[in-house]
């Protein structure tokens, strides 16, 4: 069994702006700072636990590229608080869980199917972990309403986040 955490792997969440005032908003890259990922290659099993209160705004995204500037540290902290408290309700649902139900070889890497539990709601999910440059890269689109989560909205809905967020996980290939 191989164990990973934020010191040996990367977990990021991408959120995308929407609404009439989207021109003044930002697409964001959030970094998950506390998580545990266990990979049992013999049993072809993967389990993950993510601390819902550990999302941090890493940077603004513009046309798919990371932007060093765009938000002050105070703005980042305010957004983090809103995500943790008002979107994820981390006080009531502190941990996000994933457990694989199937891990199968694929020409590009590994096809992974599993059960994601978020906001105390479990749903089946699937992703392809592609092998590149000595790492596996997996992307998973999560529809927030499917997990009982109301996407962030402000200014009477004229400024909001799209219902789908993208989770990216990068781990060293064994």
Foldseek 3Di string as FASTA:
>chain_A
DDKDWVVFKWKKKWWAKDFQPSVLPFTFIWTQHTKMWDADPVVRKIKMKGFLLRIFTDATADPNDGDPDDDDPVRRVVVSCCCSCVFQVCVVVGIKMWIWPDWDQDPQGIKTWTWIQGLNDIDIFIWGQGDDPQKTKTKTKDQSVVNVTDWDADPVRRITIHRIMMMIMIHGDD
